[in-house]
Amino acid sequence: MLVKYSRGAIIGPKPYMIFPLLPLCFILGFSQYGFPGVKMNVTLAMMLAFGIALLAELIRHRNLRTVLKSTTVFFEGMGNQFSYAVTLIIGGQIFAQGLVSLGLIESLLGALQTLSLNSIGLTSVLGGGMLGLSMVTGSNVAPLFTLVPLVPNIVAHLGLDPITTMLGMQNGASLGLFLSPISPVMVGVAGVAHIKSVDLLKRTAVPVLVALLTSCLGICLLY
């Protein structure tokens, strides 16, 4: 049974909605939560799901030429979105390196040392800073790997637990991606949905902020 969009575009049968979930099912199924004896990575899971989708299309159309021609949509869309993602990641890494070269990171860390914050205060400040940097740069990797190596030296002088502080930083950096209109994940999803990343940001802002508060509370209570 085919379904028609409001715009008039024809999509596949309703059971096809399971195909985008197959990579996640493979990764979780062939792990410590399922069958740890089978090694499964993201690339293998994606290609395996892609092969299953092709087989389903072949059974449906019974025409190999038609099925192979339809695969160009997958590769063209992936190429277009990855071109934006790679550009933004490179730009974010250059920006983060610029912050280090200007000495802003060292100045910030020096100021934190003079404030004599407790564990919760320092975790909140650094987590908020990572959240802001992730939003500005569109990357959580570049700011996180820039600041995390400096954390043990800071907490050593303050007598605080480095694990709690790093967890807060990682939490802020990861969730900051969903509040950044230039992050690869936001650009990719917005491109697939044919909407602006800013419009997508309006939808993700509230659940992300709730997740941020919940995870921060969990860190404070458990660590």
Protein backbone atom coordinates (compact mmCIF):
# COMPACT_ATOMS: atom_id res chain seq x y z
CA MET A 1 0.00 0.00 0.00
CA LEU A 2 1.46 3.34 -1.06
CA VAL A 3 1.05 6.55 0.90
CA LYS A 4 0.85 10.01 -0.63
CA TYR A 5 2.30 13.12 0.99
CA SER A 6 0.27 16.31 1.15
CA ARG A 7 2.67 17.71 -1.46
CA GLY A 8 1.77 14.89 -3.83
CA ALA A 9 5.01 12.91 -3.49
CA ILE A 10 4.65 9.13 -3.42
CA ILE A 11 6.48 7.27 -0.67
CA GLY A 12 6.90 3.58 -0.02
CA PRO A 13 4.68 1.19 1.90
CA LYS A 14 4.16 1.80 5.61
CA PRO A 15 6.31 -1.17 6.72
CA TYR A 16 9.28 0.63 5.16
CA MET A 17 9.36 2.93 8.18
CA ILE A 18 11.28 0.22 10.02
CA PHE A 19 14.30 0.48 7.70
CA PRO A 20 15.79 3.69 9.24
CA LEU A 21 15.67 1.98 12.64
CA LEU A 22 17.54 -1.13 11.52
CA PRO A 23 21.08 0.28 12.03
CA LEU A 24 20.27 1.18 15.63
CA CYS A 25 18.73 -2.25 16.17
CA PHE A 26 21.84 -3.96 14.79
CA ILE A 27 24.22 -1.86 16.90
CA LEU A 28 22.29 -2.44 20.13
CA GLY A 29 21.46 -6.06 19.33
CA PHE A 30 25.04 -7.09 18.61
CA SER A 31 26.49 -5.54 21.76
CA GLN A 32 26.66 -6.29 25.46
CA TYR A 33 22.90 -5.79 25.59
CA GLY A 34 22.22 -8.58 23.09
CA PHE A 35 24.74 -10.81 21.32
CA PRO A 36 28.25 -9.58 22.25
CA GLY A 37 29.91 -12.33 20.25
CA VAL A 38 29.16 -10.56 16.95
CA LYS A 39 31.16 -7.41 16.20
CA MET A 40 29.06 -4.63 14.69
CA ASN A 41 30.10 -1.08 13.86
CA VAL A 42 28.14 1.85 12.45
CA THR A 43 29.33 1.40 8.86
CA LEU A 44 28.49 -2.29 8.79
CA ALA A 45 25.07 -1.65 10.36
CA MET A 46 24.27 1.07 7.80
CA MET A 47 25.28 -1.05 4.81
CA LEU A 48 23.44 -4.10 6.15
CA ALA A 49 20.25 -2.07 6.57
CA PHE A 50 20.76 -0.58 3.11
CA GLY A 51 21.08 -4.07 1.63
CA ILE A 52 17.88 -5.22 3.35
CA ALA A 53 16.05 -2.19 1.98
CA LEU A 54 17.32 -2.96 -1.54
CA LEU A 55 16.16 -6.56 -1.21
CA ALA A 56 12.70 -5.38 -0.15
CA GLU A 57 12.54 -3.02 -3.13
CA LEU A 58 13.64 -5.80 -5.46
CA ILE A 59 10.87 -8.06 -4.18
CA ARG A 60 8.39 -5.23 -4.55
CA HIS A 61 9.31 -4.05 -8.07
CA ARG A 62 10.88 -7.26 -9.47
CA ASN A 63 13.08 -5.06 -11.63
CA LEU A 64 16.78 -4.79 -10.81
CA ARG A 65 17.34 -1.77 -13.06
CA THR A 66 14.59 0.22 -11.32
CA VAL A 67 15.92 -0.67 -7.87
CA LEU A 68 19.52 0.25 -8.68
CA LYS A 69 18.40 3.53 -10.23
CA SER A 70 16.55 4.46 -7.05
CA THR A 71 19.76 4.10 -5.00
CA THR A 72 21.11 7.31 -6.53
CA VAL A 73 18.72 9.26 -4.29
CA PHE A 74 20.37 7.75 -1.20
CA PHE A 75 23.94 8.54 -2.29
CA GLU A 76 23.16 12.01 -3.64
CA GLY A 77 21.35 13.01 -0.46
CA MET A 78 24.14 11.61 1.71
CA GLY A 79 26.78 13.42 -0.32
CA ASN A 80 25.00 16.76 -0.17
CA GLN A 81 24.47 16.63 3.59
CA PHE A 82 27.98 15.41 4.35
CA SER A 83 29.47 18.25 2.31
CA TYR A 84 27.78 20.73 4.65
CA ALA A 85 28.70 18.70 7.73
CA VAL A 86 32.39 18.43 6.88
CA THR A 87 32.60 22.15 6.12
CA LEU A 88 31.02 23.05 9.46
CA ILE A 89 33.19 20.64 11.43
CA ILE A 90 36.36 22.09 9.90
CA GLY A 91 35.12 25.61 10.60
CA GLY A 92 34.34 24.72 14.21
CA GLN A 93 37.76 23.18 14.77
CA ILE A 94 39.47 26.24 13.31
CA PHE A 95 37.41 28.48 15.59
CA ALA A 96 38.27 26.40 18.66
CA GLN A 97 41.97 26.46 17.75
CA GLY A 98 41.71 30.21 17.37
CA LEU A 99 40.38 30.51 20.93
CA VAL A 100 43.37 28.56 22.18
CA SER A 101 45.84 30.63 20.15
CA LEU A 102 44.40 33.88 21.50
CA GLY A 103 44.83 32.66 25.06
CA LEU A 104 41.14 32.93 25.92
CA ILE A 105 40.95 29.39 27.22
CA GLU A 106 43.89 29.86 29.59
CA SER A 107 42.42 33.15 30.81
CA LEU A 108 39.10 31.47 31.53
CA LEU A 109 40.72 28.63 33.42
CA GLY A 110 42.84 31.07 35.43
CA ALA A 111 39.73 33.00 36.39
CA LEU A 112 38.03 29.80 37.54
CA GLN A 113 40.93 29.01 39.81
CA THR A 114 40.63 32.39 41.53
CA LEU A 115 36.88 31.94 42.19
CA SER A 116 37.46 28.98 44.56
CA LEU A 117 34.28 27.22 43.45
CA ASN A 118 33.06 23.97 44.95
CA SER A 119 32.50 20.86 42.86
CA ILE A 120 28.92 21.72 41.87
CA GLY A 121 29.80 25.33 41.08
CA LEU A 122 32.81 24.44 38.95
CA THR A 123 30.89 21.71 37.13
CA SER A 124 28.04 24.13 36.41
CA VAL A 125 30.35 26.86 35.12
CA LEU A 126 32.43 24.58 32.91
CA GLY A 127 29.36 22.67 31.71
CA GLY A 128 27.67 25.94 30.77
CA GLY A 129 30.83 27.10 29.03
CA MET A 130 31.01 23.90 27.02
CA LEU A 131 27.35 24.28 26.14
CA GLY A 132 28.01 27.78 24.79
CA LEU A 133 31.13 26.75 22.87
CA SER A 134 29.31 23.79 21.34
CA MET A 135 26.48 26.07 20.24
CA VAL A 136 28.87 28.60 18.69
CA THR A 137 31.23 26.16 16.98
CA GLY A 138 28.65 23.54 16.01
CA SER A 139 30.99 20.83 17.27
CA ASN A 140 31.33 19.12 20.62
CA VAL A 141 34.59 17.36 19.84
CA ALA A 142 36.84 20.38 19.27
CA PRO A 143 35.94 22.34 22.45
CA LEU A 144 35.79 19.22 24.61
CA PHE A 145 39.20 17.86 23.57
CA THR A 146 40.64 21.35 23.98
CA LEU A 147 39.49 21.86 27.58
CA VAL A 148 39.34 18.37 29.10
CA PRO A 149 43.15 17.84 29.29
CA LEU A 150 43.40 21.02 31.37
CA VAL A 151 40.76 20.01 33.92
CA PRO A 152 42.90 17.68 36.14
CA ASN A 153 45.34 20.50 36.84
CA ILE A 154 42.52 22.86 37.82
CA VAL A 155 40.66 20.49 40.12
CA ALA A 156 43.92 19.33 41.71
CA HIS A 157 44.51 22.84 43.07
CA LEU A 158 40.91 23.08 44.27
CA GLY A 159 40.76 19.59 45.78
CA LEU A 160 37.76 18.56 43.66
CA ASP A 161 36.78 15.39 41.81
CA PRO A 162 37.85 15.57 38.11
CA ILE A 163 35.33 12.91 37.00
CA THR A 164 32.33 14.96 38.13
CA THR A 165 33.65 18.05 36.38
CA MET A 166 34.40 16.20 33.14
CA LEU A 167 30.96 14.59 33.14
CA GLY A 168 29.37 18.02 33.36
CA MET A 169 31.53 19.29 30.52
CA GLN A 170 30.74 16.30 28.33
CA ASN A 171 27.06 16.71 29.13
CA GLY A 172 27.04 20.38 28.12
CA ALA A 173 29.09 19.78 24.98
CA SER A 174 26.88 16.95 23.74
CA LEU A 175 23.56 18.69 24.34
CA GLY A 176 24.90 21.94 22.91
CA LEU A 177 24.91 20.35 19.46
CA PHE A 178 21.11 20.30 19.49
CA LEU A 179 20.99 24.01 20.31
CA SER A 180 23.33 25.00 17.48
CA PRO A 181 21.84 25.80 14.07
CA ILE A 182 25.20 25.08 12.42
CA SER A 183 25.93 21.68 13.98
CA PRO A 184 26.15 18.82 11.46
CA VAL A 185 23.31 16.86 13.05
CA MET A 186 20.96 19.86 12.93
CA VAL A 187 21.96 20.75 9.36
CA GLY A 188 21.58 17.13 8.26
CA VAL A 189 18.14 16.62 9.81
CA ALA A 190 16.93 20.02 8.60
CA GLY A 191 18.17 19.21 5.09
CA VAL A 192 16.34 15.91 5.02
CA ALA A 193 13.14 17.58 6.28
CA HIS A 194 13.58 20.52 3.87
CA ILE A 195 13.33 23.12 6.62
CA LYS A 196 15.69 25.71 8.09
CA SER A 197 17.92 24.56 10.94
CA VAL A 198 16.72 27.56 12.97
CA ASP A 199 13.14 26.28 12.73
CA LEU A 200 14.33 22.87 13.87
CA LEU A 201 16.15 24.53 16.78
CA LYS A 202 12.86 26.00 18.00
CA ARG A 203 11.46 22.49 18.31
CA THR A 204 14.49 20.99 20.06
CA ALA A 205 15.20 23.82 22.52
CA VAL A 206 12.67 22.85 25.21
CA PRO A 207 13.37 19.07 25.35
CA VAL A 208 17.12 19.71 25.24
CA LEU A 209 16.95 22.14 28.16
CA VAL A 210 14.86 19.64 30.13
CA ALA A 211 17.40 16.92 29.34
CA LEU A 212 20.23 19.25 30.42
CA LEU A 213 18.63 19.97 33.79
CA THR A 214 17.79 16.29 34.34
CA SER A 215 21.28 15.06 33.48
CA CYS A 216 22.90 17.75 35.64
CA LEU A 217 20.72 16.70 38.56
CA GLY A 218 21.70 13.08 37.98
CA ILE A 219 25.40 13.97 37.97
CA CYS A 220 25.06 15.90 41.21
CA LEU A 221 23.15 13.10 42.95
CA LEU A 222 25.10 10.09 41.65
CA TYR A 223 28.62 11.51 41.57
